[in-house]
Protein backbone atom coordinates (compact mmCIF):
# COMPACT_ATOMS: atom_id res chain seq x y z
CA MET A 1 43.28 -57.07 12.42
CA ALA A 2 40.24 -57.80 14.56
CA LYS A 3 37.03 -55.56 12.85
CA LYS A 4 36.51 -52.36 15.06
CA TYR A 5 32.42 -50.67 14.90
CA TYR A 6 32.23 -47.28 15.90
CA TRP A 7 28.93 -45.11 16.97
CA LEU A 8 27.89 -41.89 18.13
CA LYS A 9 26.69 -42.02 21.99
CA LEU A 10 24.22 -38.97 21.58
CA ASP A 11 23.08 -37.15 24.77
CA LYS A 12 19.32 -37.08 25.13
CA LYS A 13 20.02 -33.28 26.34
CA PHE A 14 22.15 -33.04 22.84
CA PHE A 15 19.00 -30.76 21.12
CA ASN A 16 18.73 -28.48 24.27
CA ASN A 17 22.36 -26.88 24.39
CA PRO A 18 22.34 -23.55 23.72
CA GLU A 19 24.68 -23.80 20.48
CA ILE A 20 22.64 -26.41 18.86
CA LYS A 21 19.20 -24.05 19.46
CA ILE A 22 20.60 -21.02 17.99
CA LEU A 23 21.79 -23.26 14.87
CA ARG A 24 18.29 -24.96 14.37
CA ARG A 25 16.74 -21.03 14.95
CA ILE A 26 18.70 -19.66 12.11
CA ALA A 27 17.43 -20.38 8.43
CA GLY A 28 18.59 -23.93 7.22
CA GLY A 29 19.19 -24.43 10.47
CA ASP A 30 17.94 -28.06 10.85
CA THR A 31 20.07 -29.03 7.25
CA TYR A 32 23.36 -27.46 8.90
CA THR A 33 22.39 -30.01 12.21
CA LEU A 34 22.30 -32.49 10.06
CA ILE A 35 25.63 -32.33 8.40
CA TYR A 36 27.17 -31.69 12.00
CA LEU A 37 25.99 -35.18 13.07
CA GLU A 38 26.89 -36.33 9.71
CA MET A 39 30.39 -34.85 10.21
CA MET A 40 30.54 -36.44 14.02
CA LEU A 41 29.83 -39.80 12.52
CA LEU A 42 32.64 -39.07 9.58
CA SER A 43 35.18 -38.39 12.11
CA LEU A 44 34.92 -41.48 14.33
CA GLU A 45 37.29 -43.63 13.28
CA ASN A 46 40.03 -40.47 13.67
CA ASP A 47 39.04 -39.51 17.26
CA GLY A 48 37.07 -36.50 15.88
CA TYR A 49 39.76 -35.42 13.31
CA LEU A 50 38.80 -35.01 9.75
CA PHE A 51 41.59 -34.55 7.28
CA PHE A 52 41.87 -32.88 3.67
CA GLU A 53 42.57 -35.59 1.50
CA GLY A 54 42.84 -33.30 -1.51
CA MET A 55 39.68 -34.22 -2.81
CA GLY A 56 38.10 -30.83 -2.97
CA GLU A 57 39.53 -27.01 -3.26
CA ASN A 58 39.89 -26.78 0.49
CA ILE A 59 38.32 -29.01 3.90
CA SER A 60 35.22 -27.61 3.37
CA ASP A 61 34.90 -28.29 -0.27
CA GLU A 62 35.62 -32.13 0.73
CA ILE A 63 33.37 -32.34 3.37
CA ALA A 64 30.30 -31.18 0.88
CA VAL A 65 31.20 -33.82 -1.66
CA ILE A 66 32.06 -36.79 0.84
CA LEU A 67 28.24 -35.97 2.50
CA ASN A 68 26.93 -35.09 -0.31
CA GLU A 69 25.87 -31.82 0.50
CA GLU A 70 26.07 -28.08 -0.44
CA LYS A 71 29.61 -26.06 -0.23
CA GLU A 72 27.42 -23.32 1.10
CA ASN A 73 25.68 -25.03 3.79
CA VAL A 74 29.33 -26.81 4.81
CA ASP A 75 30.98 -23.26 4.88
CA VAL A 76 27.79 -21.36 6.69
CA LEU A 77 27.99 -24.54 8.92
CA LEU A 78 32.03 -24.28 9.81
CA ALA A 79 31.68 -20.52 10.37
CA PHE A 80 29.07 -21.03 12.82
CA LEU A 81 30.67 -23.66 14.89
CA LYS A 82 34.27 -22.22 14.78
CA SER A 83 32.56 -19.13 16.40
CA LYS A 84 30.88 -21.18 18.76
CA LYS A 85 34.66 -23.09 19.70
CA LEU A 86 32.73 -26.56 18.47
CA ILE A 87 35.69 -27.10 15.91
CA GLU A 88 39.10 -26.39 15.80
CA ILE A 89 40.42 -25.73 12.15
CA ASN A 90 43.95 -26.28 11.70
CA GLU A 91 44.76 -24.29 8.46
CA THR A 92 48.48 -25.16 7.90
CA ASN A 93 47.63 -29.08 7.89
CA ASP A 94 44.33 -29.05 6.76
CA GLU A 95 42.85 -30.49 9.82
CA LEU A 96 39.66 -29.67 11.88
CA TYR A 97 38.65 -31.09 15.00
CA ILE A 98 35.13 -31.82 16.30
CA ASN A 99 35.97 -30.73 19.99
CA THR A 100 32.61 -32.10 21.81
CA ILE A 101 33.00 -35.60 20.29
CA THR A 102 35.57 -37.07 22.75
CA GLU A 103 32.76 -38.59 25.04
CA MET A 104 30.69 -39.32 22.45
CA ILE A 105 32.30 -42.08 20.59
CA GLY A 106 31.64 -46.00 21.04
CA THR A 107 33.55 -48.47 19.64
CA GLU A 108 33.08 -52.39 19.93
CA THR A 109 35.30 -55.21 18.39
CA GLU A 110 33.86 -58.08 15.67
CA SER A 111 34.29 -60.37 18.55
CA ALA A 112 32.37 -58.12 21.12
CA ARG A 113 29.17 -58.00 18.71
CA LYS A 114 29.62 -61.43 18.06
CA MET A 115 29.25 -62.30 21.58
CA ARG A 116 26.46 -60.44 22.15
CA ARG A 117 24.45 -61.39 19.64
CA PHE A 118 25.21 -64.99 21.00
CA ARG A 119 23.85 -64.25 24.14
CA THR A 120 20.78 -62.48 22.77
CA LYS A 121 20.40 -65.95 21.23
CA GLU A 122 20.89 -67.36 24.42
CA SER A 123 18.38 -65.47 26.41
CA PRO A 124 15.38 -68.06 25.99
CA VAL A 125 17.52 -70.94 26.26
CA LEU A 126 17.88 -69.58 29.76
CA LEU A 127 14.64 -68.09 30.53
CA GLU A 128 13.63 -71.91 30.28
CA LYS A 129 16.27 -72.88 32.48
CA GLY A 130 14.98 -70.29 35.15
CA SER A 131 13.55 -72.37 37.38
CA HIS A 132 16.93 -74.46 38.05
CA CYS A 133 18.09 -71.19 39.94
CA ASP A 134 15.05 -70.10 41.88
CA SER A 135 16.05 -71.74 44.72
CA HIS A 136 19.56 -70.59 44.62
CA VAL A 137 19.54 -67.47 43.24
CA THR A 138 22.38 -66.32 45.08
CA GLU A 139 24.47 -68.78 43.83
CA CYS A 140 23.38 -68.61 40.17
CA ASP A 141 24.01 -64.78 40.20
CA THR A 142 27.61 -65.35 41.19
CA GLU A 143 28.19 -68.07 38.27
CA LYS A 144 27.13 -65.63 35.94
CA GLU A 145 29.07 -62.79 36.99
CA ILE A 146 32.32 -64.95 37.07
CA GLU A 147 31.64 -66.06 33.49
CA LEU A 148 30.81 -62.46 32.76
CA GLU A 149 34.34 -61.44 33.99
CA LYS A 150 35.94 -64.06 32.23
CA GLU A 151 34.31 -63.59 28.97
CA LEU A 152 35.13 -59.76 29.15
CA GLU A 153 39.01 -60.84 30.04
CA LYS A 154 39.00 -62.78 26.79
CA GLU A 155 37.73 -59.89 25.18
CA LYS A 156 40.55 -57.89 26.50
CA ASP A 157 43.18 -60.05 25.14
CA ILE A 158 41.60 -60.46 21.57
CA VAL A 159 41.73 -56.24 21.20
CA PRO A 160 45.14 -55.78 18.98
CA GLN A 161 47.35 -53.28 20.20
CA SER A 162 47.42 -52.17 16.69
CA GLU A 163 44.12 -51.00 17.07
CA THR A 164 44.80 -47.82 19.57
CA ILE A 165 45.36 -44.81 17.16
CA PRO A 166 48.71 -43.29 17.16
CA PRO A 167 49.27 -39.60 18.24
CA TYR A 168 49.62 -38.22 14.71
CA LYS A 169 48.76 -35.15 14.88
CA THR A 170 50.87 -34.34 18.34
CA ILE A 171 53.77 -36.03 16.66
CA ILE A 172 53.83 -34.03 13.14
CA ASP A 173 53.30 -30.58 15.23
CA TYR A 174 56.51 -31.27 17.34
CA LEU A 175 58.76 -32.16 14.41
CA ASN A 176 57.11 -29.00 12.24
CA ASP A 177 57.78 -26.97 15.28
CA LYS A 178 61.29 -28.17 15.78
CA ALA A 179 62.00 -28.34 12.41
CA GLY A 180 60.50 -25.70 10.93
CA THR A 181 58.77 -28.01 8.75
CA LYS A 182 55.28 -28.00 7.54
CA TYR A 183 54.34 -31.91 6.98
CA ARG A 184 50.57 -32.94 7.30
CA SER A 185 49.25 -35.67 10.35
CA SER A 186 46.91 -36.80 7.69
CA SER A 187 49.69 -38.31 4.96
CA LYS A 188 49.18 -41.48 5.29
CA ASP A 189 52.31 -42.19 4.04
CA THR A 190 53.59 -40.15 7.49
CA GLN A 191 50.71 -42.48 9.34
CA LYS A 192 52.06 -45.44 8.05
CA HIS A 193 55.83 -44.81 9.23
CA ILE A 194 54.28 -43.48 12.36
CA LYS A 195 51.75 -46.36 12.99
CA ALA A 196 54.70 -48.88 12.22
CA ARG A 197 56.63 -47.68 14.88
CA PHE A 198 53.63 -47.53 17.53
CA ASN A 199 53.16 -51.34 16.71
CA ASN A 200 56.87 -51.72 17.70
CA SER A 201 56.10 -50.40 21.09
CA PHE A 202 57.70 -47.08 20.65
CA THR A 203 56.10 -44.41 22.63
CA LEU A 204 55.71 -40.83 22.01
CA GLU A 205 58.39 -39.57 24.06
CA ASP A 206 60.66 -41.90 21.50
CA PHE A 207 59.45 -39.83 18.50
CA LYS A 208 60.16 -36.65 20.66
CA THR A 209 63.84 -38.08 21.47
CA VAL A 210 64.29 -38.99 17.55
CA ILE A 211 63.17 -35.41 16.35
CA ASP A 212 65.41 -33.78 19.36
CA ASN A 213 68.44 -35.83 18.57
CA LYS A 214 68.42 -35.39 14.46
CA VAL A 215 67.10 -31.66 14.27
CA PHE A 216 70.50 -30.74 16.78
CA GLU A 217 72.64 -33.02 14.53
CA TRP A 218 71.12 -32.21 10.92
CA GLY A 219 68.87 -28.70 11.58
CA ASN A 220 71.99 -26.58 10.43
CA ASN A 221 73.47 -28.75 7.57
CA SER A 222 71.90 -27.69 4.40
CA LYS A 223 72.38 -31.07 2.64
CA MET A 224 71.56 -33.09 5.83
CA SER A 225 68.34 -31.25 6.27
CA VAL A 226 66.32 -32.39 4.25
CA TYR A 227 66.38 -35.87 5.69
CA LEU A 228 64.19 -34.06 8.47
CA ARG A 229 61.32 -35.46 7.11
CA PRO A 230 58.88 -38.40 8.98
CA LYS A 231 59.96 -40.98 6.18
CA THR A 232 63.65 -40.92 7.26
CA LEU A 233 63.00 -40.46 10.90
CA PHE A 234 60.64 -42.62 11.51
CA GLY A 235 61.39 -45.47 9.24
CA THR A 236 63.50 -48.77 10.17
CA LYS A 237 66.71 -46.57 11.54
CA PHE A 238 63.84 -44.99 14.07
CA GLU A 239 65.83 -47.34 17.10
CA SER A 240 69.13 -46.45 15.95
CA TYR A 241 68.48 -42.41 16.00
CA LEU A 242 66.67 -43.49 19.80
CA ASN A 243 69.96 -44.26 21.19
CA GLN A 244 72.20 -42.57 19.56
CA LYS A 245 74.51 -40.80 22.19
CA GLY A 246 74.66 -37.05 23.42
CA GLY A 247 72.04 -36.00 21.16
CA GLY A 248 74.41 -33.80 19.04
CA GLU A 249 76.32 -33.92 16.27
CA SER A 250 77.62 -37.58 15.68
CA ALA A 251 81.18 -38.37 15.12
CA ILE A 252 80.73 -38.22 11.37
CA PHE A 253 79.86 -34.36 11.42
CA SER A 254 82.55 -33.62 14.08
CA GLU A 255 85.40 -35.18 12.05
CA ASP A 256 84.11 -33.47 8.96
CA ASP A 257 81.60 -30.97 9.05
CA ASN A 258 81.58 -30.86 5.13
CA LYS A 259 81.62 -34.43 4.30
CA PHE A 260 78.49 -34.30 3.17
CA SER A 261 77.88 -30.76 1.17
CA ASN A 262 78.23 -31.79 -2.40
CA ALA A 263 76.84 -35.43 -1.83
CA PRO A 264 73.77 -35.65 -3.70
CA VAL A 265 70.37 -36.56 -1.90
CA THR A 266 70.12 -40.17 -1.83
CA ASP A 267 67.12 -42.58 -0.48
CA ASP A 268 67.54 -43.09 3.14
CA ASP A 269 68.24 -46.88 3.04
CA THR A 270 71.91 -45.74 1.87
CA LEU A 271 72.87 -43.09 4.33
CA PRO A 272 75.90 -43.93 6.27
CA PHE A 273 74.25 -43.44 9.99
C-alpha cells in the first residue's frame, strides 16, 4: 500500500470563529484550544473520528494519555465542544466525531510528495531554460499543461483502492440496529473484515443486504443468532450470504426449525451454509 500523508488545513479565520473566541476567553482557554487542535490532528487518518481503544478508563482519559494532557482539561474541553455541537460522542460505541473537520483534511500520497520535491529541484533548471520559451510563450505553456495533466493522471492510477476508508461506523450501526447487538466499529478485528470485503469491491449496500438476509434468517433462532456478528457476516462467506435467494429462511431451517437447537457453537468455517 502506498504511504499516505495527512495534514490539517486551518482556515485563516479559525481563531475568529465565535466558538473559538469564547473558548479562549475562559480560564485555561488557550490550553483547551491547543488540545482541540491536537485532537483534530489525531483524528485525520480516520476522517475526524477518535475511537476508544481501552487504554484509559474512557475516551476522555484515553485522549489525555495519548496527547499527554491533563484529564481535567480534556474533560472541560469535551463538555464545551459538545455543548457547542462541535463534536458528537457515541457513548454506546465509545466513538467521538469532530464535526468541523471534514473540509479541513488534506492528503498526499508518497508518490505525489516525491513528484512535488522533484519539481522543486527541477525549477532552477527551468529558469535557466526560460529564454527558450520567451518567443513561444503560448506553445511552452500548453506543453507544460499537457505534462501536468499526464502527471496527475499517473498519480490517480498510483493511488490503490485500499486507501479508501470504508464506512465502518455506518455498517456497524446498521448491524446493531437490525440485530439488537452492541458491536463497536472501532474494533480492529471488525475493521479488518470490513476492509477485506471493500477491497473485494463490495459496496455499503452489499453489507446492508447481507445483514438483512441473515437477521431475517437467524434473528429468531436462539442458537444461530450468536452468528449475527461481524466476524461471521463479513467473513469469507460474505458473497454467499449476499447472493442468498429470498432474503428469508434457508432450506435448512425450512425442513427442520430445530435442527441446530442443541448443536454447540462452532467456528465459522464449519458452518454448513
